[in-house]
Amino acid sequence: ILDIVAMVNCIIDGECWEGEIYGCTDPDALNYNSDAMI
């Protein structure tokens, strides 16, 4: 049941999930964004 509680908190409150972050993913670029996923 504790795992279910963790899942509910995650889905409802967004405490432990991360959304898709768009940006430049090339480390050689001037505007490289280390947080970007796509």
Full PDB file with SEQRES, HELIX, SHEET, SSBOND, CRYST1, ORIGX, SCALE, CONECT and MASTER records, all heavy atoms in Angstrom:
SEQRES   1 A   38  ILE LEU ASP ILE VAL ALA MET VAL ASN CYS ILE ILE ASP          
SEQRES   2 A   38  GLY GLU CYS TRP GLU GLY GLU ILE TYR GLY CYS THR ASP          
SEQRES   3 A   38  PRO ASP ALA LEU ASN TYR ASN SER ASP ALA MET ILE              
HELIX    1 AA1 LEU A    2  ASP A   13  1                                  12    
CRYST1    1.000    1.000    1.000  90.00  90.00  90.00 P 1           1          
ORIGX1      1.000000  0.000000  0.000000        0.00000                         
ORIGX2      0.000000  1.000000  0.000000        0.00000                         
ORIGX3      0.000000  0.000000  1.000000        0.00000                         
SCALE1      1.000000  0.000000  0.000000        0.00000                         
SCALE2      0.000000  1.000000  0.000000        0.00000                         
SCALE3      0.000000  0.000000  1.000000        0.00000                         
ATOM      1  N   ILE A   1       0.811  -1.206   0.000  1.00  0.00           N  
ATOM      2  CA  ILE A   1       0.000   0.000   0.000  1.00  0.00           C  
ATOM      3  C   ILE A   1       0.853   1.269   0.000  1.00  0.00           C  
ATOM      4  O   ILE A   1       0.459   2.302  -0.541  1.00  0.00           O  
ATOM      5  CB  ILE A   1      -0.972  -0.020   1.209  1.00  0.00           C  
ATOM      6  CG1 ILE A   1      -1.993   1.118   1.095  1.00  0.00           C  
ATOM      7  CG2 ILE A   1      -0.193   0.051   2.515  1.00  0.00           C  
ATOM      8  CD1 ILE A   1      -2.912   1.030  -0.093  1.00  0.00           C  
ATOM      9  N   LEU A   2       2.061   1.222   0.583  1.00  0.00           N  
ATOM     10  CA  LEU A   2       2.943   2.394   0.614  1.00  0.00           C  
ATOM     11  C   LEU A   2       3.417   2.764  -0.792  1.00  0.00           C  
ATOM     12  O   LEU A   2       3.600   3.936  -1.109  1.00  0.00           O  
ATOM     13  CB  LEU A   2       4.136   2.143   1.533  1.00  0.00           C  
ATOM     14  CG  LEU A   2       3.788   1.936   3.024  1.00  0.00           C  
ATOM     15  CD1 LEU A   2       5.057   1.672   3.830  1.00  0.00           C  
ATOM     16  CD2 LEU A   2       3.049   3.156   3.577  1.00  0.00           C  
ATOM     17  N   ASP A   3       3.590   1.754  -1.638  1.00  0.00           N  
ATOM     18  CA  ASP A   3       3.960   2.015  -3.019  1.00  0.00           C  
ATOM     19  C   ASP A   3       2.819   2.702  -3.766  1.00  0.00           C  
ATOM     20  O   ASP A   3       3.046   3.584  -4.600  1.00  0.00           O  
ATOM     21  CB  ASP A   3       4.344   0.716  -3.721  1.00  0.00           C  
ATOM     22  CG  ASP A   3       5.593   0.086  -3.136  1.00  0.00           C  
ATOM     23  OD1 ASP A   3       6.696   0.565  -3.451  1.00  0.00           O  
ATOM     24  OD2 ASP A   3       5.465  -0.866  -2.357  1.00  0.00           O  
ATOM     25  N   ILE A   4       1.583   2.280  -3.457  1.00  0.00           N  
ATOM     26  CA  ILE A   4       0.428   2.918  -4.081  1.00  0.00           C  
ATOM     27  C   ILE A   4       0.334   4.380  -3.665  1.00  0.00           C  
ATOM     28  O   ILE A   4       0.052   5.264  -4.470  1.00  0.00           O  
ATOM     29  CB  ILE A   4      -0.860   2.159  -3.728  1.00  0.00           C  
ATOM     30  CG1 ILE A   4      -0.832   0.766  -4.356  1.00  0.00           C  
ATOM     31  CG2 ILE A   4      -2.092   2.931  -4.181  1.00  0.00           C  
ATOM     32  CD1 ILE A   4      -2.041  -0.074  -4.047  1.00  0.00           C  
ATOM     33  N   VAL A   5       0.573   4.642  -2.370  1.00  0.00           N  
ATOM     34  CA  VAL A   5       0.572   6.026  -1.885  1.00  0.00           C  
ATOM     35  C   VAL A   5       1.613   6.851  -2.632  1.00  0.00           C  
ATOM     36  O   VAL A   5       1.364   7.991  -3.034  1.00  0.00           O  
ATOM     37  CB  VAL A   5       0.820   6.058  -0.369  1.00  0.00           C  
ATOM     38  CG1 VAL A   5       1.030   7.489   0.098  1.00  0.00           C  
ATOM     39  CG2 VAL A   5      -0.329   5.400   0.381  1.00  0.00           C  
ATOM     40  N   ALA A   6       2.817   6.291  -2.841  1.00  0.00           N  
ATOM     41  CA  ALA A   6       3.866   6.988  -3.562  1.00  0.00           C  
ATOM     42  C   ALA A   6       3.442   7.296  -4.993  1.00  0.00           C  
ATOM     43  O   ALA A   6       3.701   8.379  -5.527  1.00  0.00           O  
ATOM     44  CB  ALA A   6       5.152   6.170  -3.551  1.00  0.00           C  
ATOM     45  N   MET A   7       2.772   6.349  -5.637  1.00  0.00           N  
ATOM     46  CA  MET A   7       2.306   6.557  -7.000  1.00  0.00           C  
ATOM     47  C   MET A   7       1.239   7.642  -7.067  1.00  0.00           C  
ATOM     48  O   MET A   7       1.254   8.491  -7.967  1.00  0.00           O  
ATOM     49  CB  MET A   7       1.760   5.247  -7.569  1.00  0.00           C  
ATOM     50  CG  MET A   7       2.804   4.168  -7.793  1.00  0.00           C  
ATOM     51  SD  MET A   7       2.073   2.622  -8.421  1.00  0.00           S  
ATOM     52  CE  MET A   7       1.499   3.161 -10.034  1.00  0.00           C  
ATOM     53  N   VAL A   8       0.296   7.636  -6.109  1.00  0.00           N  
ATOM     54  CA  VAL A   8      -0.749   8.652  -6.072  1.00  0.00           C  
ATOM     55  C   VAL A   8      -0.157  10.042  -5.895  1.00  0.00           C  
ATOM     56  O   VAL A   8      -0.526  11.000  -6.583  1.00  0.00           O  
ATOM     57  CB  VAL A   8      -1.770   8.331  -4.974  1.00  0.00           C  
ATOM     58  CG1 VAL A   8      -2.735   9.504  -4.787  1.00  0.00           C  
ATOM     59  CG2 VAL A   8      -2.544   7.062  -5.295  1.00  0.00           C  
ATOM     60  N   ASN A   9       0.778  10.177  -4.954  1.00  0.00           N  
ATOM     61  CA  ASN A   9       1.430  11.470  -4.742  1.00  0.00           C  
ATOM     62  C   ASN A   9       2.169  11.933  -5.990  1.00  0.00           C  
ATOM     63  O   ASN A   9       2.188  13.116  -6.335  1.00  0.00           O  
ATOM     64  CB  ASN A   9       2.389  11.395  -3.568  1.00  0.00           C  
ATOM     65  CG  ASN A   9       1.681  11.265  -2.235  1.00  0.00           C  
ATOM     66  OD1 ASN A   9       0.527  11.695  -2.081  1.00  0.00           O  
ATOM     67  ND2 ASN A   9       2.350  10.668  -1.252  1.00  0.00           N  
ATOM     68  N   CYS A  10       2.782  10.998  -6.637  1.00  0.00           N  
ATOM     69  CA  CYS A  10       3.545  11.308  -7.830  1.00  0.00           C  
ATOM     70  C   CYS A  10       2.651  11.826  -8.956  1.00  0.00           C  
ATOM     71  O   CYS A  10       2.938  12.822  -9.599  1.00  0.00           O  
ATOM     72  CB  CYS A  10       4.280  10.061  -8.277  1.00  0.00           C  
ATOM     73  SG  CYS A  10       5.604  10.319  -9.366  1.00  0.00           S  
ATOM     74  N   ILE A  11       1.538  11.131  -9.177  1.00  0.00           N  
ATOM     75  CA  ILE A  11       0.639  11.487 -10.270  1.00  0.00           C  
ATOM     76  C   ILE A  11      -0.115  12.786  -9.987  1.00  0.00           C  
ATOM     77  O   ILE A  11      -0.225  13.667 -10.835  1.00  0.00           O  
ATOM     78  CB  ILE A  11      -0.340  10.337 -10.537  1.00  0.00           C  
ATOM     79  CG1 ILE A  11       0.428   9.107 -11.040  1.00  0.00           C  
ATOM     80  CG2 ILE A  11      -1.379  10.750 -11.573  1.00  0.00           C  
ATOM     81  CD1 ILE A  11      -0.443   7.868 -11.183  1.00  0.00           C  
ATOM     82  N   ILE A  12      -0.633  12.921  -8.758  1.00  0.00           N  
ATOM     83  CA  ILE A  12      -1.469  14.078  -8.423  1.00  0.00           C  
ATOM     84  C   ILE A  12      -0.639  15.331  -8.166  1.00  0.00           C  
ATOM     85  O   ILE A  12      -0.916  16.403  -8.695  1.00  0.00           O  
ATOM     86  CB  ILE A  12      -2.353  13.771  -7.207  1.00  0.00           C  
ATOM     87  CG1 ILE A  12      -3.373  12.679  -7.566  1.00  0.00           C  
ATOM     88  CG2 ILE A  12      -3.079  15.039  -6.737  1.00  0.00           C  
ATOM     89  CD1 ILE A  12      -4.270  12.289  -6.410  1.00  0.00           C  
ATOM     90  N   ASP A  13       0.416  15.207  -7.354  1.00  0.00           N  
ATOM     91  CA  ASP A  13       1.185  16.369  -6.924  1.00  0.00           C  
ATOM     92  C   ASP A  13       2.397  16.666  -7.779  1.00  0.00           C  
ATOM     93  O   ASP A  13       2.977  17.739  -7.688  1.00  0.00           O  
ATOM     94  CB  ASP A  13       1.628  16.188  -5.469  1.00  0.00           C  
ATOM     95  CG  ASP A  13       0.440  16.036  -4.525  1.00  0.00           C  
ATOM     96  OD1 ASP A  13      -0.594  16.676  -4.797  1.00  0.00           O  
ATOM     97  OD2 ASP A  13       0.567  15.303  -3.529  1.00  0.00           O  
ATOM     98  N   GLY A  14       2.799  15.707  -8.586  1.00  0.00           N  
ATOM     99  CA  GLY A  14       3.961  15.928  -9.422  1.00  0.00           C  
ATOM    100  C   GLY A  14       5.249  16.049  -8.651  1.00  0.00           C  
ATOM    101  O   GLY A  14       6.174  16.753  -9.065  1.00  0.00           O  
ATOM    102  N   GLU A  15       5.351  15.350  -7.523  1.00  0.00           N  
ATOM    103  CA  GLU A  15       6.516  15.492  -6.674  1.00  0.00           C  
ATOM    104  C   GLU A  15       7.694  14.653  -7.126  1.00  0.00           C  
ATOM    105  O   GLU A  15       8.826  14.924  -6.732  1.00  0.00           O  
ATOM    106  CB  GLU A  15       6.155  15.118  -5.235  1.00  0.00           C  
ATOM    107  CG  GLU A  15       5.164  16.068  -4.591  1.00  0.00           C  
ATOM    108  CD  GLU A  15       4.787  15.642  -3.196  1.00  0.00           C  
ATOM    109  OE1 GLU A  15       5.171  14.510  -2.821  1.00  0.00           O  
ATOM    110  OE2 GLU A  15       4.135  16.419  -2.480  1.00  0.00           O  
ATOM    111  N   CYS A  16       7.481  13.636  -7.916  1.00  0.00           N  
ATOM    112  CA  CYS A  16       8.578  12.757  -8.268  1.00  0.00           C  
ATOM    113  C   CYS A  16       8.549  12.347  -9.722  1.00  0.00           C  
ATOM    114  O   CYS A  16       9.021  11.280 -10.085  1.00  0.00           O  
ATOM    115  CB  CYS A  16       8.595  11.518  -7.381  1.00  0.00           C  
ATOM    116  SG  CYS A  16       7.038  10.746  -7.145  1.00  0.00           S  
ATOM    117  N   TRP A  17       7.976  13.161 -10.606  1.00  0.00           N  
ATOM    118  CA  TRP A  17       8.041  12.927 -12.039  1.00  0.00           C  
ATOM    119  C   TRP A  17       8.592  14.148 -12.720  1.00  0.00           C  
ATOM    120  O   TRP A  17       8.567  15.248 -12.191  1.00  0.00           O  
ATOM    121  CB  TRP A  17       6.678  12.545 -12.612  1.00  0.00           C  
ATOM    122  CG  TRP A  17       5.619  13.593 -12.404  1.00  0.00           C  
ATOM    123  CD1 TRP A  17       4.770  13.688 -11.354  1.00  0.00           C  
ATOM    124  CD2 TRP A  17       5.303  14.681 -13.265  1.00  0.00           C  
ATOM    125  NE1 TRP A  17       3.952  14.766 -11.489  1.00  0.00           N  
ATOM    126  CE2 TRP A  17       4.250  15.383 -12.664  1.00  0.00           C  
ATOM    127  CE3 TRP A  17       5.810  15.137 -14.469  1.00  0.00           C  
ATOM    128  CZ2 TRP A  17       3.696  16.528 -13.225  1.00  0.00           C  
ATOM    129  CZ3 TRP A  17       5.264  16.252 -15.048  1.00  0.00           C  
ATOM    130  CH2 TRP A  17       4.208  16.934 -14.418  1.00  0.00           C  
ATOM    131  N   GLU A  18       9.073  14.029 -13.891  1.00  0.00           N  
ATOM    132  CA  GLU A  18       9.609  15.153 -14.628  1.00  0.00           C  
ATOM    133  C   GLU A  18       9.011  15.166 -16.029  1.00  0.00           C  
ATOM    134  O   GLU A  18       8.839  14.147 -16.671  1.00  0.00           O  
ATOM    135  CB  GLU A  18      11.138  15.087 -14.718  1.00  0.00           C  
ATOM    136  CG  GLU A  18      11.678  13.792 -15.254  1.00  0.00           C  
ATOM    137  CD  GLU A  18      13.181  13.687 -15.138  1.00  0.00           C  
ATOM    138  OE1 GLU A  18      13.722  14.352 -14.266  1.00  0.00           O  
ATOM    139  OE2 GLU A  18      13.793  12.955 -15.918  1.00  0.00           O  
ATOM    140  N   GLY A  19       8.653  16.387 -16.478  1.00  0.00           N  
ATOM    141  CA  GLY A  19       8.073  16.516 -17.792  1.00  0.00           C  
ATOM    142  C   GLY A  19       9.126  16.564 -18.876  1.00  0.00           C  
ATOM    143  O   GLY A  19      10.324  16.635 -18.622  1.00  0.00           O  
ATOM    144  N   GLU A  20       8.676  16.503 -20.122  1.00  0.00           N  
ATOM    145  CA  GLU A  20       9.582  16.571 -21.250  1.00  0.00           C  
ATOM    146  C   GLU A  20      10.164  17.981 -21.378  1.00  0.00           C  
ATOM    147  O   GLU A  20       9.432  18.959 -21.429  1.00  0.00           O  
ATOM    148  CB  GLU A  20       8.857  16.174 -22.526  1.00  0.00           C  
ATOM    149  CG  GLU A  20       8.382  14.734 -22.542  1.00  0.00           C  
ATOM    150  CD  GLU A  20       7.646  14.379 -23.804  1.00  0.00           C  
ATOM    151  OE1 GLU A  20       7.251  15.319 -24.535  1.00  0.00           O  
ATOM    152  OE2 GLU A  20       7.446  13.191 -24.067  1.00  0.00           O  
ATOM    153  N   ILE A  21      11.475  18.113 -21.431  1.00  0.00           N  
ATOM    154  CA  ILE A  21      12.145  19.395 -21.546  1.00  0.00           C  
ATOM    155  C   ILE A  21      12.828  19.459 -22.902  1.00  0.00           C  
ATOM    156  O   ILE A  21      13.702  18.651 -23.219  1.00  0.00           O  
ATOM    157  CB  ILE A  21      13.174  19.586 -20.421  1.00  0.00           C  
ATOM    158  CG1 ILE A  21      12.480  19.546 -19.061  1.00  0.00           C  
ATOM    159  CG2 ILE A  21      13.915  20.912 -20.589  1.00  0.00           C  
ATOM    160  CD1 ILE A  21      13.440  19.638 -17.896  1.00  0.00           C  
ATOM    161  N   TYR A  22      12.423  20.438 -23.707  1.00  0.00           N  
ATOM    162  CA  TYR A  22      12.992  20.630 -25.024  1.00  0.00           C  
ATOM    163  C   TYR A  22      14.110  21.665 -24.964  1.00  0.00           C  
ATOM    164  O   TYR A  22      14.069  22.612 -24.175  1.00  0.00           O  
ATOM    165  CB  TYR A  22      11.917  21.083 -26.012  1.00  0.00           C  
ATOM    166  CG  TYR A  22      10.906  20.013 -26.363  1.00  0.00           C  
ATOM    167  CD1 TYR A  22       9.839  19.741 -25.518  1.00  0.00           C  
ATOM    168  CD2 TYR A  22      11.028  19.276 -27.531  1.00  0.00           C  
ATOM    169  CE1 TYR A  22       8.913  18.767 -25.829  1.00  0.00           C  
ATOM    170  CE2 TYR A  22      10.103  18.292 -27.861  1.00  0.00           C  
ATOM    171  CZ  TYR A  22       9.046  18.043 -27.004  1.00  0.00           C  
ATOM    172  OH  TYR A  22       8.127  17.069 -27.316  1.00  0.00           O  
ATOM    173  N   GLY A  23      15.108  21.485 -25.806  1.00  0.00           N  
ATOM    174  CA  GLY A  23      16.208  22.425 -25.877  1.00  0.00           C  
ATOM    175  C   GLY A  23      17.353  21.869 -26.678  1.00  0.00           C  
ATOM    176  O   GLY A  23      17.232  20.821 -27.334  1.00  0.00           O  
ATOM    177  N   CYS A  24      18.482  22.546 -26.637  1.00  0.00           N  
ATOM    178  CA  CYS A  24      19.668  22.095 -27.354  1.00  0.00           C  
ATOM    179  C   CYS A  24      20.406  21.051 -26.530  1.00  0.00           C  
ATOM    180  O   CYS A  24      20.791  21.305 -25.384  1.00  0.00           O  
ATOM    181  CB  CYS A  24      20.585  23.273 -27.656  1.00  0.00           C  
ATOM    182  SG  CYS A  24      22.149  22.797 -28.433  1.00  0.00           S  
ATOM    183  N   THR A  25      20.610  19.891 -27.101  1.00  0.00           N  
ATOM    184  CA  THR A  25      21.252  18.792 -26.381  1.00  0.00           C  
ATOM    185  C   THR A  25      22.700  18.562 -26.809  1.00  0.00           C  
ATOM    186  O   THR A  25      23.323  17.590 -26.376  1.00  0.00           O  
ATOM    187  CB  THR A  25      20.447  17.492 -26.575  1.00  0.00           C  
ATOM    188  OG1 THR A  25      20.393  17.161 -27.977  1.00  0.00           O  
ATOM    189  CG2 THR A  25      19.032  17.638 -26.027  1.00  0.00           C  
ATOM    190  N   ASP A  26      23.242  19.454 -27.671  1.00  0.00           N  
ATOM    191  CA  ASP A  26      24.622  19.312 -28.135  1.00  0.00           C  
ATOM    192  C   ASP A  26      25.559  20.034 -27.169  1.00  0.00           C  
ATOM    193  O   ASP A  26      25.519  21.261 -27.075  1.00  0.00           O  
ATOM    194  CB  ASP A  26      24.769  19.889 -29.538  1.00  0.00           C  
ATOM    195  CG  ASP A  26      26.162  19.658 -30.127  1.00  0.00           C  
ATOM    196  OD1 ASP A  26      27.045  19.134 -29.413  1.00  0.00           O  
ATOM    197  OD2 ASP A  26      26.374  20.014 -31.305  1.00  0.00           O  
ATOM    198  N   PRO A  27      26.431  19.318 -26.456  1.00  0.00           N  
ATOM    199  CA  PRO A  27      27.330  19.968 -25.495  1.00  0.00           C  
ATOM    200  C   PRO A  27      28.283  20.970 -26.132  1.00  0.00           C  
ATOM    201  O   PRO A  27      28.823  21.837 -25.436  1.00  0.00           O  
ATOM    202  CB  PRO A  27      28.104  18.794 -24.876  1.00  0.00           C  
ATOM    203  CG  PRO A  27      27.253  17.591 -25.139  1.00  0.00           C  
ATOM    204  CD  PRO A  27      26.571  17.860 -26.447  1.00  0.00           C  
ATOM    205  N   ASP A  28      28.504  20.882 -27.445  1.00  0.00           N  
ATOM    206  CA  ASP A  28      29.407  21.801 -28.120  1.00  0.00           C  
ATOM    207  C   ASP A  28      28.726  23.112 -28.524  1.00  0.00           C  
ATOM    208  O   ASP A  28      29.406  24.047 -28.965  1.00  0.00           O  
ATOM    209  CB  ASP A  28      30.011  21.144 -29.362  1.00  0.00           C  
ATOM    210  CG  ASP A  28      30.911  19.963 -29.021  1.00  0.00           C  
ATOM    211  OD1 ASP A  28      31.551  20.001 -27.949  1.00  0.00           O  
ATOM    212  OD2 ASP A  28      30.975  19.009 -29.832  1.00  0.00           O  
ATOM    213  N   ALA A  29      27.416  23.187 -28.409  1.00  0.00           N  
ATOM    214  CA  ALA A  29      26.684  24.391 -28.797  1.00  0.00           C  
ATOM    215  C   ALA A  29      26.762  25.443 -27.708  1.00  0.00           C  
ATOM    216  O   ALA A  29      26.908  25.130 -26.521  1.00  0.00           O  
ATOM    217  CB  ALA A  29      25.230  24.054 -29.107  1.00  0.00           C  
ATOM    218  N   LEU A  30      26.635  26.707 -28.118  1.00  0.00           N  
ATOM    219  CA  LEU A  30      26.676  27.804 -27.162  1.00  0.00           C  
ATOM    220  C   LEU A  30      25.477  27.798 -26.235  1.00  0.00           C  
ATOM    221  O   LEU A  30      25.561  28.208 -25.085  1.00  0.00           O  
ATOM    222  CB  LEU A  30      26.759  29.145 -27.905  1.00  0.00           C  
ATOM    223  CG  LEU A  30      28.015  29.368 -28.748  1.00  0.00           C  
ATOM    224  CD1 LEU A  30      27.880  30.643 -29.575  1.00  0.00           C  
ATOM    225  CD2 LEU A  30      29.242  29.445 -27.853  1.00  0.00           C  
ATOM    226  N   ASN A  31      24.334  27.344 -26.734  1.00  0.00           N  
ATOM    227  CA  ASN A  31      23.118  27.318 -25.949  1.00  0.00           C  
ATOM    228  C   ASN A  31      22.755  25.927 -25.462  1.00  0.00           C  
ATOM    229  O   ASN A  31      21.579  25.583 -25.306  1.00  0.00           O  
ATOM    230  CB  ASN A  31      21.955  27.912 -26.748  1.00  0.00           C  
ATOM    231  CG  ASN A  31      21.646  27.129 -28.007  1.00  0.00           C  
ATOM    232  OD1 ASN A  31      22.540  26.535 -28.598  1.00  0.00           O  
ATOM    233  ND2 ASN A  31      20.385  27.133 -28.432  1.00  0.00           N  
ATOM    234  N   TYR A  32      23.783  25.095 -25.227  1.00  0.00           N  
ATOM    235  CA  TYR A  32      23.553  23.748 -24.697  1.00  0.00           C  
ATOM    236  C   TYR A  32      22.795  23.812 -23.375  1.00  0.00           C  
ATOM    237  O   TYR A  32      23.138  24.564 -22.473  1.00  0.00           O  
ATOM    238  CB  TYR A  32      24.884  23.038 -24.494  1.00  0.00           C  
ATOM    239  CG  TYR A  32      24.791  21.767 -23.674  1.00  0.00           C  
ATOM    240  CD1 TYR A  32      24.036  20.681 -24.111  1.00  0.00           C  
ATOM    241  CD2 TYR A  32      25.449  21.654 -22.448  1.00  0.00           C  
ATOM    242  CE1 TYR A  32      23.942  19.515 -23.375  1.00  0.00           C  
ATOM    243  CE2 TYR A  32      25.383  20.489 -21.696  1.00  0.00           C  
ATOM    244  CZ  TYR A  32      24.624  19.432 -22.164  1.00  0.00           C  
ATOM    245  OH  TYR A  32      24.540  18.269 -21.421  1.00  0.00           O  
ATOM    246  N   ASN A  33      21.737  23.006 -23.274  1.00  0.00           N  
ATOM    247  CA  ASN A  33      20.910  22.948 -22.079  1.00  0.00           C  
ATOM    248  C   ASN A  33      21.032  21.562 -21.469  1.00  0.00           C  
ATOM    249  O   ASN A  33      20.511  20.587 -22.009  1.00  0.00           O  
ATOM    250  CB  ASN A  33      19.457  23.275 -22.433  1.00  0.00           C  
ATOM    251  CG  ASN A  33      18.569  23.388 -21.207  1.00  0.00           C  
ATOM    252  OD1 ASN A  33      18.984  23.117 -20.090  1.00  0.00           O  
ATOM    253  ND2 ASN A  33      17.317  23.799 -21.430  1.00  0.00           N  
ATOM    254  N   SER A  34      21.739  21.469 -20.363  1.00  0.00           N  
ATOM    255  CA  SER A  34      21.972  20.175 -19.722  1.00  0.00           C  
ATOM    256  C   SER A  34      20.689  19.554 -19.191  1.00  0.00           C  
ATOM    257  O   SER A  34      20.644  18.338 -18.939  1.00  0.00           O  
ATOM    258  CB  SER A  34      22.992  20.328 -18.588  1.00  0.00           C  
ATOM    259  OG  SER A  34      22.529  21.249 -17.607  1.00  0.00           O  
ATOM    260  N   ASP A  35      19.645  20.326 -19.004  1.00  0.00           N  
ATOM    261  CA  ASP A  35      18.373  19.805 -18.512  1.00  0.00           C  
ATOM    262  C   ASP A  35      17.467  19.311 -19.630  1.00  0.00           C  
ATOM    263  O   ASP A  35      16.446  18.673 -19.361  1.00  0.00           O  
ATOM    264  CB  ASP A  35      17.628  20.879 -17.710  1.00  0.00           C  
ATOM    265  CG  ASP A  35      18.368  21.274 -16.441  1.00  0.00           C  
ATOM    266  OD1 ASP A  35      19.019  20.399 -15.836  1.00  0.00           O  
ATOM    267  OD2 ASP A  35      18.298  22.466 -16.048  1.00  0.00           O  
ATOM    268  N   ALA A  36      17.818  19.621 -20.876  1.00  0.00           N  
ATOM    269  CA  ALA A  36      16.965  19.241 -22.001  1.00  0.00           C  
ATOM    270  C   ALA A  36      16.994  17.742 -22.223  1.00  0.00           C  
ATOM    271  O   ALA A  36      18.045  17.098 -22.155  1.00  0.00           O  
ATOM    272  CB  ALA A  36      17.383  19.980 -23.262  1.00  0.00           C  
ATOM    273  N   MET A  37      15.827  17.162 -22.513  1.00  0.00           N  
ATOM    274  CA  MET A  37      15.689  15.743 -22.793  1.00  0.00           C  
ATOM    275  C   MET A  37      15.491  15.477 -24.276  1.00  0.00           C  
ATOM    276  O   MET A  37      15.855  14.415 -24.784  1.00  0.00           O  
ATOM    277  CB  MET A  37      14.503  15.176 -22.006  1.00  0.00           C  
ATOM    278  CG  MET A  37      14.608  15.386 -20.502  1.00  0.00           C  
ATOM    279  SD  MET A  37      13.039  15.008 -19.656  1.00  0.00           S  
ATOM    280  CE  MET A  37      12.771  13.342 -20.140  1.00  0.00           C  
ATOM    281  N   ILE A  38      14.886  16.452 -24.987  1.00  0.00           N  
ATOM    282  CA  ILE A  38      14.593  16.313 -26.408  1.00  0.00           C  
ATOM    283  C   ILE A  38      15.168  17.514 -27.140  1.00  0.00           C  
ATOM    284  O   ILE A  38      14.886  18.663 -26.784  1.00  0.00           O  
ATOM    285  CB  ILE A  38      13.079  16.212 -26.647  1.00  0.00           C  
ATOM    286  CG1 ILE A  38      12.489  15.021 -25.892  1.00  0.00           C  
ATOM    287  CG2 ILE A  38      12.770  16.092 -28.135  1.00  0.00           C  
ATOM    288  CD1 ILE A  38      10.991  14.923 -25.975  1.00  0.00           C  
TER     289      ILE A  38                                                      
MASTER        0    0    0    1    0    0    0    6  288    1    0    3          
END                                                                             
